[in-house]
Amino acid sequence: MKEQLKHIDYDLIFTSPVRRAIETTRIINYKQLPIKLDERITERDPGKLLLKDRNLVNKSEWNSLKYLKTKDGSETLLSLIKRVKAFIDYLKKNYNNKTIIIVTHNSISRAFWLLNSDKTKSLKKINTYYQNSNTIQIYENYKCRNEVDFYG
């Protein structure tokens, strides 16, 4: 995986604080830059449903754009999108015109896509690689230049 990313000249690297994301980040960080951990790009919070059967999830609550938490304490889609939007705003304010590698999870990657999918913004997928269960996105000037997804 490290070899596949060597053509990316990145300025900094952010990762979810989840152990498997940190491990992936260490593997691909060929420039050996300091790794920035950020809670805003951690996995979606399942609340009381952690380690429970997915069939127990109330899909309409889980995908709610009205509430921040479900009745069982799970993070809703609205909450997730707000969290990712705050992270993106932080990047735009503090790292404008930088190339950033972001190692995160599928739900966060989808939120990035949702927040960039309107007609006024450009999101271009160039490469996709599959390995493990993390997602790597590479942004340049806040436009997604490259996205690398890892799935188990």
Protein backbone atom coordinates (compact mmCIF):
# COMPACT_ATOMS: atom_id res chain seq x y z
CA MET A 1 0.00 0.00 0.00
CA LYS A 2 2.83 2.38 0.85
CA GLU A 3 4.24 1.93 -2.67
CA GLN A 4 0.87 2.77 -4.25
CA LEU A 5 0.84 6.14 -2.45
CA LYS A 6 4.45 7.19 -3.09
CA HIS A 7 3.37 9.37 -6.02
CA ILE A 8 1.38 11.58 -3.61
CA ASP A 9 3.38 14.53 -2.31
CA TYR A 10 1.42 15.23 0.87
CA ASP A 11 1.95 17.99 3.41
CA LEU A 12 0.30 16.43 6.44
CA ILE A 13 -1.60 13.36 7.53
CA PHE A 14 -4.67 13.04 9.75
CA THR A 15 -6.09 9.83 11.14
CA SER A 16 -8.92 8.54 13.24
CA PRO A 17 -7.79 7.67 16.77
CA VAL A 18 -9.01 4.09 16.29
CA ARG A 19 -6.07 1.67 16.53
CA ARG A 20 -6.48 0.04 13.10
CA ALA A 21 -6.56 3.49 11.43
CA ILE A 22 -3.42 4.55 13.30
CA GLU A 23 -1.68 1.32 12.23
CA THR A 24 -2.65 1.90 8.59
CA THR A 25 -1.42 5.50 8.83
CA ARG A 26 1.95 4.40 10.17
CA ILE A 27 2.32 1.94 7.28
CA ILE A 28 1.50 4.42 4.51
CA ASN A 29 3.27 7.48 5.98
CA TYR A 30 6.36 7.12 3.80
CA LYS A 31 7.45 10.71 4.56
CA GLN A 32 7.39 9.93 8.29
CA LEU A 33 5.50 13.17 9.02
CA PRO A 34 3.90 13.63 12.43
CA ILE A 35 0.48 11.99 12.50
CA LYS A 36 -2.43 14.16 13.63
CA LEU A 37 -5.20 12.30 15.48
CA ASP A 38 -8.67 13.79 15.26
CA GLU A 39 -11.83 12.56 17.00
CA ARG A 40 -14.02 14.17 14.34
CA ILE A 41 -12.97 11.48 11.85
CA THR A 42 -13.45 8.49 14.16
CA GLU A 43 -16.03 5.79 13.50
CA ARG A 44 -19.73 6.46 13.81
CA ASP A 45 -20.87 6.00 17.44
CA PRO A 46 -23.26 3.02 17.68
CA GLY A 47 -24.30 3.88 21.25
CA LYS A 48 -25.90 0.92 23.06
CA LEU A 49 -25.89 -1.08 19.82
CA LEU A 50 -22.13 -1.67 20.00
CA LEU A 51 -21.44 -5.36 19.21
CA LYS A 52 -25.18 -6.06 18.70
CA ASP A 53 -26.93 -7.50 15.66
CA ARG A 54 -27.31 -4.94 12.84
CA ASN A 55 -30.92 -6.00 12.44
CA LEU A 56 -31.67 -4.28 15.76
CA VAL A 57 -30.87 -0.88 14.25
CA ASN A 58 -33.84 1.36 13.58
CA LYS A 59 -32.79 2.52 10.10
CA SER A 60 -35.03 5.60 10.06
CA GLU A 61 -33.53 6.83 13.35
CA TRP A 62 -29.98 5.85 12.31
CA ASN A 63 -30.31 7.85 9.07
CA SER A 64 -32.12 10.78 10.68
CA LEU A 65 -31.39 14.28 9.46
CA LYS A 66 -33.57 15.70 12.24
CA TYR A 67 -32.03 14.38 15.47
CA LEU A 68 -28.44 14.09 16.74
CA LYS A 69 -28.93 10.80 18.64
CA THR A 70 -31.24 7.83 18.34
CA LYS A 71 -33.31 6.60 21.28
CA ASP A 72 -30.58 4.04 22.06
CA GLY A 73 -27.83 6.69 21.98
CA SER A 74 -26.46 5.95 18.51
CA GLU A 75 -25.05 8.78 16.43
CA THR A 76 -27.46 9.78 13.64
CA LEU A 77 -26.50 10.71 10.11
CA LEU A 78 -27.10 14.39 10.99
CA SER A 79 -24.64 14.20 13.88
CA LEU A 80 -22.04 12.46 11.72
CA ILE A 81 -22.36 15.01 8.93
CA LYS A 82 -22.07 17.92 11.38
CA ARG A 83 -18.92 16.38 12.87
CA VAL A 84 -17.30 15.87 9.47
CA LYS A 85 -18.34 19.36 8.33
CA ALA A 86 -16.60 20.82 11.41
CA PHE A 87 -13.45 18.88 10.47
CA ILE A 88 -13.58 20.08 6.86
CA ASP A 89 -14.09 23.69 8.00
CA TYR A 90 -11.06 23.29 10.29
CA LEU A 91 -8.95 22.01 7.39
CA LYS A 92 -10.06 24.83 5.11
CA LYS A 93 -9.26 27.45 7.75
CA ASN A 94 -5.92 26.03 8.89
CA TYR A 95 -4.49 24.08 5.96
CA ASN A 96 -5.72 25.79 2.82
CA ASN A 97 -3.68 24.87 -0.28
CA LYS A 98 -2.15 21.83 1.44
CA THR A 99 -2.31 18.22 0.29
CA ILE A 100 -3.69 16.16 3.15
CA ILE A 101 -3.98 12.42 3.63
CA ILE A 102 -6.95 11.48 5.80
CA VAL A 103 -7.13 7.93 7.13
CA THR A 104 -10.62 7.23 8.38
CA HIS A 105 -13.64 4.92 8.16
CA ASN A 106 -16.32 4.17 5.60
CA SER A 107 -19.05 6.29 7.22
CA ILE A 108 -16.72 9.30 7.43
CA SER A 109 -15.66 8.82 3.82
CA ARG A 110 -19.31 8.80 2.78
CA ALA A 111 -19.96 11.98 4.76
CA PHE A 112 -17.05 13.65 2.92
CA TRP A 113 -18.64 12.58 -0.34
CA LEU A 114 -22.09 13.84 0.71
CA LEU A 115 -20.68 17.21 1.72
CA ASN A 116 -18.88 17.52 -1.62
CA SER A 117 -21.49 16.09 -3.96
CA ASP A 118 -23.46 19.20 -4.91
CA LYS A 119 -23.02 20.68 -8.35
CA THR A 120 -20.81 23.58 -7.19
CA LYS A 121 -18.02 21.36 -5.84
CA SER A 122 -15.71 18.94 -7.59
CA LEU A 123 -15.14 15.44 -6.28
CA LYS A 124 -13.10 13.27 -8.61
CA LYS A 125 -12.19 9.70 -7.77
CA ILE A 126 -8.94 8.74 -9.45
CA ASN A 127 -7.84 5.52 -7.74
CA THR A 128 -9.43 3.00 -5.43
CA TYR A 129 -7.51 0.26 -3.58
CA TYR A 130 -9.01 -2.30 -1.22
CA GLN A 131 -7.43 -3.64 1.97
CA ASN A 132 -8.52 -4.01 5.61
CA SER A 133 -11.36 -1.74 6.76
CA ASN A 134 -10.06 1.82 6.59
CA THR A 135 -10.49 4.57 4.04
CA ILE A 136 -7.76 6.93 2.92
CA GLN A 137 -8.64 10.16 1.14
CA ILE A 138 -6.14 12.59 -0.27
CA TYR A 139 -7.27 16.21 -0.65
CA GLU A 140 -5.57 19.03 -2.47
CA ASN A 141 -6.95 22.57 -2.15
CA TYR A 142 -10.05 21.04 -0.58
CA LYS A 143 -10.94 19.19 -3.77
CA CYS A 144 -10.62 15.44 -3.48
CA ARG A 145 -7.72 14.52 -5.75
CA ASN A 146 -7.43 10.91 -4.80
CA GLU A 147 -9.37 8.49 -2.67
CA VAL A 148 -8.12 5.16 -1.44
CA ASP A 149 -10.65 2.92 0.28
CA PHE A 150 -9.69 -0.11 2.38
CA TYR A 151 -12.35 -2.71 3.07
CA GLY A 152 -12.05 -6.09 4.78
